[in-house]
Protein backbone atom coordinates (compact mmCIF):
# COMPACT_ATOMS: atom_id res chain seq x y z
CA MET A 1 22.54 -7.37 -177.27
CA LEU A 2 22.20 -4.12 -179.14
CA ARG A 3 24.57 -1.30 -178.32
CA SER A 4 23.59 2.32 -178.83
CA THR A 5 26.18 4.60 -180.32
CA LEU A 6 26.30 8.31 -179.48
CA TYR A 7 27.43 10.54 -182.30
CA ILE A 8 28.70 14.02 -181.50
CA TYR A 9 28.55 16.58 -184.25
CA VAL A 10 31.67 18.71 -184.48
CA PRO A 11 31.28 21.43 -187.09
CA PHE A 12 34.18 21.90 -189.44
CA LEU A 13 35.39 25.46 -189.64
CA PRO A 14 37.39 26.64 -192.60
CA LEU A 15 40.95 27.60 -191.77
CA GLY A 16 40.16 31.28 -192.20
CA PHE A 17 37.42 31.16 -189.55
CA ARG A 18 39.52 29.23 -187.04
CA THR A 19 42.39 31.70 -187.20
CA HIS A 20 40.27 34.85 -187.32
CA ASN A 21 40.07 35.32 -183.55
CA LYS A 22 43.80 34.74 -183.09
CA TRP A 23 44.61 37.18 -185.90
CA SER A 24 42.30 39.79 -184.35
CA LYS A 25 44.15 39.55 -181.05
CA ILE A 26 47.48 39.89 -182.83
CA LYS A 27 46.23 42.96 -184.68
CA GLN A 28 44.93 44.49 -181.45
CA ARG A 29 48.25 43.90 -179.71
CA LYS A 30 50.18 45.30 -182.67
CA GLY A 31 47.89 48.32 -182.76
CA ALA A 32 48.56 49.04 -179.07
CA GLU A 33 52.31 48.69 -179.60
CA ASP A 34 52.18 51.02 -182.61
CA ALA A 35 50.25 53.59 -180.56
CA LYS A 36 52.91 53.50 -177.83
CA LYS A 37 55.66 53.93 -180.43
CA SER A 38 53.80 56.89 -181.91
CA VAL A 39 53.73 58.61 -178.51
CA VAL A 40 57.47 58.01 -177.97
CA TYR A 41 58.36 59.19 -181.48
CA GLY A 42 56.19 62.30 -181.18
CA LYS A 43 57.74 63.34 -177.88
CA ALA A 44 61.24 62.73 -179.21
CA SER A 45 60.50 65.00 -182.17
CA ARG A 46 59.22 67.82 -179.96
CA ASP A 47 62.16 67.44 -177.55
CA ILE A 48 64.62 67.70 -180.46
CA ILE A 49 62.92 70.83 -181.81
CA ALA A 50 62.90 72.41 -178.32
CA ALA A 51 66.58 71.54 -177.80
CA VAL A 52 67.55 73.13 -181.11
CA ARG A 53 65.65 76.29 -180.21
CA GLY A 54 67.08 76.44 -176.71
CA GLY A 55 70.66 75.66 -177.71
CA GLY A 56 70.65 77.71 -180.91
CA SER A 57 72.15 74.96 -183.06
CA ALA A 58 70.99 71.81 -184.84
CA ASN A 59 74.50 70.39 -184.58
CA PRO A 60 74.75 68.06 -181.55
CA GLU A 61 78.51 68.67 -181.44
CA GLN A 62 77.80 72.34 -180.72
CA ASN A 63 74.63 71.80 -178.66
CA SER A 64 75.11 69.49 -175.67
CA ALA A 65 71.43 69.55 -174.74
CA LEU A 66 70.54 68.39 -178.25
CA ALA A 67 73.15 65.64 -178.06
CA SER A 68 71.54 64.42 -174.84
CA VAL A 69 68.05 64.43 -176.36
CA ILE A 70 69.20 62.54 -179.45
CA ARG A 71 70.93 59.96 -177.26
CA LYS A 72 67.70 59.45 -175.29
CA ALA A 73 65.74 59.10 -178.52
CA LYS A 74 68.09 56.43 -179.83
CA ASP A 75 67.97 54.57 -176.51
CA SER A 76 64.15 54.61 -176.77
CA GLY A 77 64.30 53.02 -180.20
CA VAL A 78 63.38 56.08 -182.27
CA PRO A 79 64.43 55.40 -185.89
CA LYS A 80 67.26 57.42 -187.41
CA GLU A 81 65.00 58.85 -190.11
CA ASN A 82 62.58 60.23 -187.48
CA ILE A 83 65.44 61.98 -185.71
CA GLU A 84 66.73 63.44 -188.98
CA THR A 85 63.24 64.66 -189.91
CA ALA A 86 62.87 66.45 -186.56
CA LEU A 87 66.30 68.08 -186.98
CA ALA A 88 65.38 69.21 -190.49
CA LYS A 89 62.11 70.74 -189.28
CA ALA A 90 63.88 72.61 -186.50
CA SER A 91 66.60 73.86 -188.86
CA ARG A 92 64.17 75.09 -191.51
CA GLY A 93 61.93 76.75 -188.95
CA LYS A 94 58.85 74.88 -190.13
CA GLU A 95 57.46 74.91 -186.61
CA LYS A 96 56.69 78.64 -186.67
CA GLY A 97 53.07 77.96 -185.74
CA GLN A 98 54.16 76.15 -182.58
CA GLN A 99 54.20 77.84 -179.20
CA SER A 100 55.13 76.73 -175.71
CA VAL A 101 52.53 76.91 -172.94
CA THR A 102 52.57 75.70 -169.33
CA TYR A 103 49.43 74.77 -167.41
CA GLU A 104 49.21 74.67 -163.60
CA ALA A 105 47.09 72.17 -161.69
CA MET A 106 46.43 70.77 -158.23
CA SER A 107 45.79 67.14 -157.26
CA HIS A 108 44.61 65.76 -153.90
CA GLY A 109 44.41 69.26 -152.45
CA SER A 110 48.14 69.90 -152.05
CA ILE A 111 50.14 68.29 -154.87
CA GLY A 112 51.27 70.81 -157.47
CA ILE A 113 51.49 69.84 -161.15
CA LEU A 114 53.00 71.73 -164.08
CA VAL A 115 52.23 70.59 -167.62
CA GLU A 116 54.62 71.85 -170.31
CA CYS A 117 53.16 71.74 -173.81
CA GLN A 118 54.17 72.61 -177.34
CA THR A 119 51.21 73.19 -179.62
CA ASP A 120 49.90 74.80 -182.79
CA ASN A 121 46.41 75.11 -181.29
CA VAL A 122 46.20 76.38 -177.71
CA ASN A 123 42.43 75.90 -177.45
CA ARG A 124 42.70 72.24 -178.45
CA THR A 125 45.53 71.60 -176.00
CA LEU A 126 43.82 73.39 -173.10
CA HIS A 127 40.61 71.42 -173.68
CA SER A 128 42.51 68.13 -173.76
CA VAL A 129 44.55 68.90 -170.62
CA ARG A 130 41.41 69.97 -168.73
CA GLU A 131 39.62 66.76 -169.67
CA ILE A 132 42.51 64.60 -168.47
CA LEU A 133 42.82 66.53 -165.20
CA SER A 134 39.09 66.30 -164.54
CA SER A 135 38.95 62.56 -165.26
CA HIS A 136 41.62 62.02 -162.59
CA GLY A 137 40.07 64.28 -159.96
CA ALA A 138 42.54 67.15 -160.47
CA ARG A 139 41.86 70.78 -161.41
CA GLN A 140 43.61 73.85 -162.73
CA ALA A 141 45.05 76.01 -159.95
CA PRO A 142 47.96 78.46 -159.48
CA VAL A 143 50.83 76.29 -158.19
CA LYS A 144 53.94 77.67 -159.89
CA PHE A 145 55.05 79.21 -156.59
CA LEU A 146 55.62 75.64 -155.34
CA PHE A 147 58.38 75.17 -157.93
CA GLN A 148 61.68 76.76 -158.84
CA ARG A 149 62.99 76.97 -162.41
CA ARG A 150 66.61 75.97 -162.89
CA GLY A 151 69.10 74.27 -165.15
CA HIS A 152 69.68 70.60 -164.41
CA ILE A 153 72.70 68.69 -165.69
CA LYS A 154 73.66 65.10 -164.99
CA VAL A 155 76.84 63.55 -166.36
CA GLU A 156 78.42 60.12 -166.21
CA ALA A 157 82.20 60.25 -165.80
CA GLU A 158 85.10 58.26 -164.45
CA GLU A 159 85.74 58.98 -160.78
CA SER A 160 89.29 60.15 -161.51
CA LYS A 161 87.94 62.90 -163.81
CA GLN A 162 85.08 64.17 -161.68
CA SER A 163 87.14 66.77 -159.80
CA SER A 164 88.13 68.56 -163.01
CA ILE A 165 84.53 68.43 -164.24
CA ILE A 166 83.28 69.98 -160.99
CA GLU A 167 85.93 72.70 -161.19
CA ALA A 168 84.93 73.55 -164.77
CA ALA A 169 81.26 73.61 -163.83
CA MET A 170 81.92 75.94 -160.89
CA GLU A 171 83.69 78.34 -163.24
CA GLY A 172 80.66 78.15 -165.52
CA GLY A 173 78.32 79.30 -162.76
CA VAL A 174 76.68 76.27 -161.09
CA ASP A 175 74.75 76.79 -157.86
CA ASP A 176 75.29 73.33 -156.41
CA PHE A 177 76.41 69.81 -157.25
CA LEU A 178 76.37 66.30 -155.83
CA SER A 179 78.06 63.04 -156.75
CA TRP A 180 76.04 59.96 -157.64
CA SER A 181 76.79 56.31 -158.29
CA ASP A 182 74.96 53.25 -159.50
CA ASP A 183 76.83 50.38 -157.89
CA PRO A 184 74.97 47.49 -159.58
CA ILE A 185 76.16 48.59 -163.02
CA GLY A 186 79.36 50.24 -161.83
CA VAL A 187 78.88 53.78 -163.13
CA SER A 188 79.11 57.15 -161.39
CA GLY A 189 79.12 60.84 -162.11
CA VAL A 190 78.06 64.29 -160.97
CA GLU A 191 74.76 66.15 -160.97
CA PHE A 192 74.55 69.96 -161.14
CA ILE A 193 71.99 72.73 -160.82
CA CYS A 194 72.49 76.22 -162.23
CA PRO A 195 70.56 79.36 -163.15
CA PRO A 196 68.32 78.72 -166.19
CA ASP A 197 70.21 81.21 -168.36
CA GLN A 198 73.51 79.44 -167.64
CA LEU A 199 72.44 75.94 -168.70
CA ALA A 200 74.05 75.99 -172.15
CA ASN A 201 77.23 77.62 -170.85
CA VAL A 202 77.71 75.21 -167.94
CA THR A 203 77.02 72.17 -170.13
CA SER A 204 79.56 73.43 -172.65
CA GLN A 205 82.18 74.01 -169.94
CA ILE A 206 81.67 70.47 -168.63
CA THR A 207 82.03 68.78 -172.01
CA LYS A 208 85.09 70.88 -172.88
CA SER A 209 86.81 69.89 -169.63
CA ASP A 210 86.25 66.18 -170.36
CA PRO A 211 85.04 65.28 -173.87
CA SER A 212 84.77 61.64 -172.78
CA CYS A 213 82.10 62.34 -170.16
CA LYS A 214 78.54 61.37 -171.06
CA VAL A 215 75.84 64.03 -170.65
CA LEU A 216 72.77 62.13 -169.43
CA ILE A 217 70.59 65.17 -168.76
CA SER A 218 70.83 68.82 -169.75
CA GLU A 219 67.47 70.49 -169.36
CA LEU A 220 65.48 73.35 -167.90
CA ALA A 221 63.62 71.78 -165.00
CA TYR A 222 60.91 72.67 -162.51
CA ALA A 223 61.98 71.39 -159.09
CA PRO A 224 59.86 71.50 -155.91
CA VAL A 225 60.81 74.35 -153.58
CA GLU A 226 60.49 71.85 -150.73
CA ASN A 227 60.34 68.08 -150.69
CA THR A 228 56.69 67.07 -150.47
CA GLN A 229 55.36 65.76 -147.19
CA ALA A 230 54.88 62.01 -146.94
CA CYS A 231 51.71 60.71 -148.60
CA VAL A 232 50.11 57.30 -148.86
CA ASP A 233 50.99 54.96 -151.71
CA ALA A 234 47.47 55.20 -153.14
CA VAL A 235 47.88 58.95 -153.66
CA ARG A 236 51.26 58.50 -155.32
CA LEU A 237 49.72 55.90 -157.63
CA ASP A 238 46.85 58.24 -158.53
CA VAL A 239 49.26 61.05 -159.39
CA SER A 240 51.49 58.67 -161.35
CA ASN A 241 48.50 57.55 -163.42
CA LEU A 242 47.56 61.18 -164.03
CA VAL A 243 51.09 62.01 -165.20
CA ASP A 244 51.06 59.00 -167.54
CA ALA A 245 47.73 60.09 -169.02
CA LEU A 246 48.94 63.66 -169.56
CA GLU A 247 52.20 62.55 -171.18
CA GLU A 248 50.27 60.37 -173.63
CA ASP A 249 48.76 63.55 -175.10
CA SER A 250 50.63 64.48 -178.28
CA ASP A 251 50.95 68.16 -177.26
CA VAL A 252 52.42 67.49 -173.80
CA VAL A 253 56.21 67.68 -173.61
CA ARG A 254 56.85 67.21 -169.88
CA VAL A 255 54.95 66.97 -166.60
CA TRP A 256 56.43 68.04 -163.25
CA THR A 257 54.98 67.41 -159.79
CA THR A 258 55.86 68.36 -156.24
CA LEU A 259 56.04 64.65 -155.42
CA GLU A 260 59.41 64.50 -157.14
CA ASP A 261 62.18 64.51 -154.55
CA ASN A 262 64.63 67.40 -154.66
CA PRO A 263 68.00 65.82 -153.72
CA PHE A 264 69.68 69.21 -153.41
CA GLU A 265 67.34 70.26 -150.59
CA SER A 266 69.10 67.89 -148.20
CA ASN A 267 72.54 69.44 -148.85
């Protein structure tokens, strides 16, 4: 009896062809990771320059806000050379063409948004911000009255030293304070608000009273005048996506919304 044999042709691909698709995916993934790093590094550079300008010194030992920004940059994985380059630019005043601008916008009819930018080309930045707002269903609108400008300081300190820190901050001119704790990791501290023009002074008073305390935040913030009314999760997600898109723009330094809770309003 004759048996028929079925032959299946399997083409041989050179090694280069077989690995091409895998290599393309690796390159795409690496490209996306590099893009994310570029955004983080760019924002860190602008934050450092702004902190030097605001604090009047490029020495983190004399500028607590700068020390806080540098610490954040390091925690985010920003290389040492990038930090040093930003400090050098700020010190030499090479950013003379830069200016700070803030854009106001409204989302979902009642949610206020402030977009702080630092740019050397206002027209370019405005066009970019408008495009992002429009693509997420938001629009420019006067909303600054929904916010209050103030200094915001958050420090981590041992519980036994918090009383002396609070006393020093009160002497420096704080408006209010509250204690905070993160039980899972066993740390605690104090959070303060103060007039914008007293931020540097209060931060300095705090660090002088306890050099071992860790300044987590020292910044000029826009806080909601009132805590925003409850809204559905879908709206919060939409606004969160909008904020992410805005902060990916290289000229955007910080985005504030009225969805952010104001813990001091409940005091």
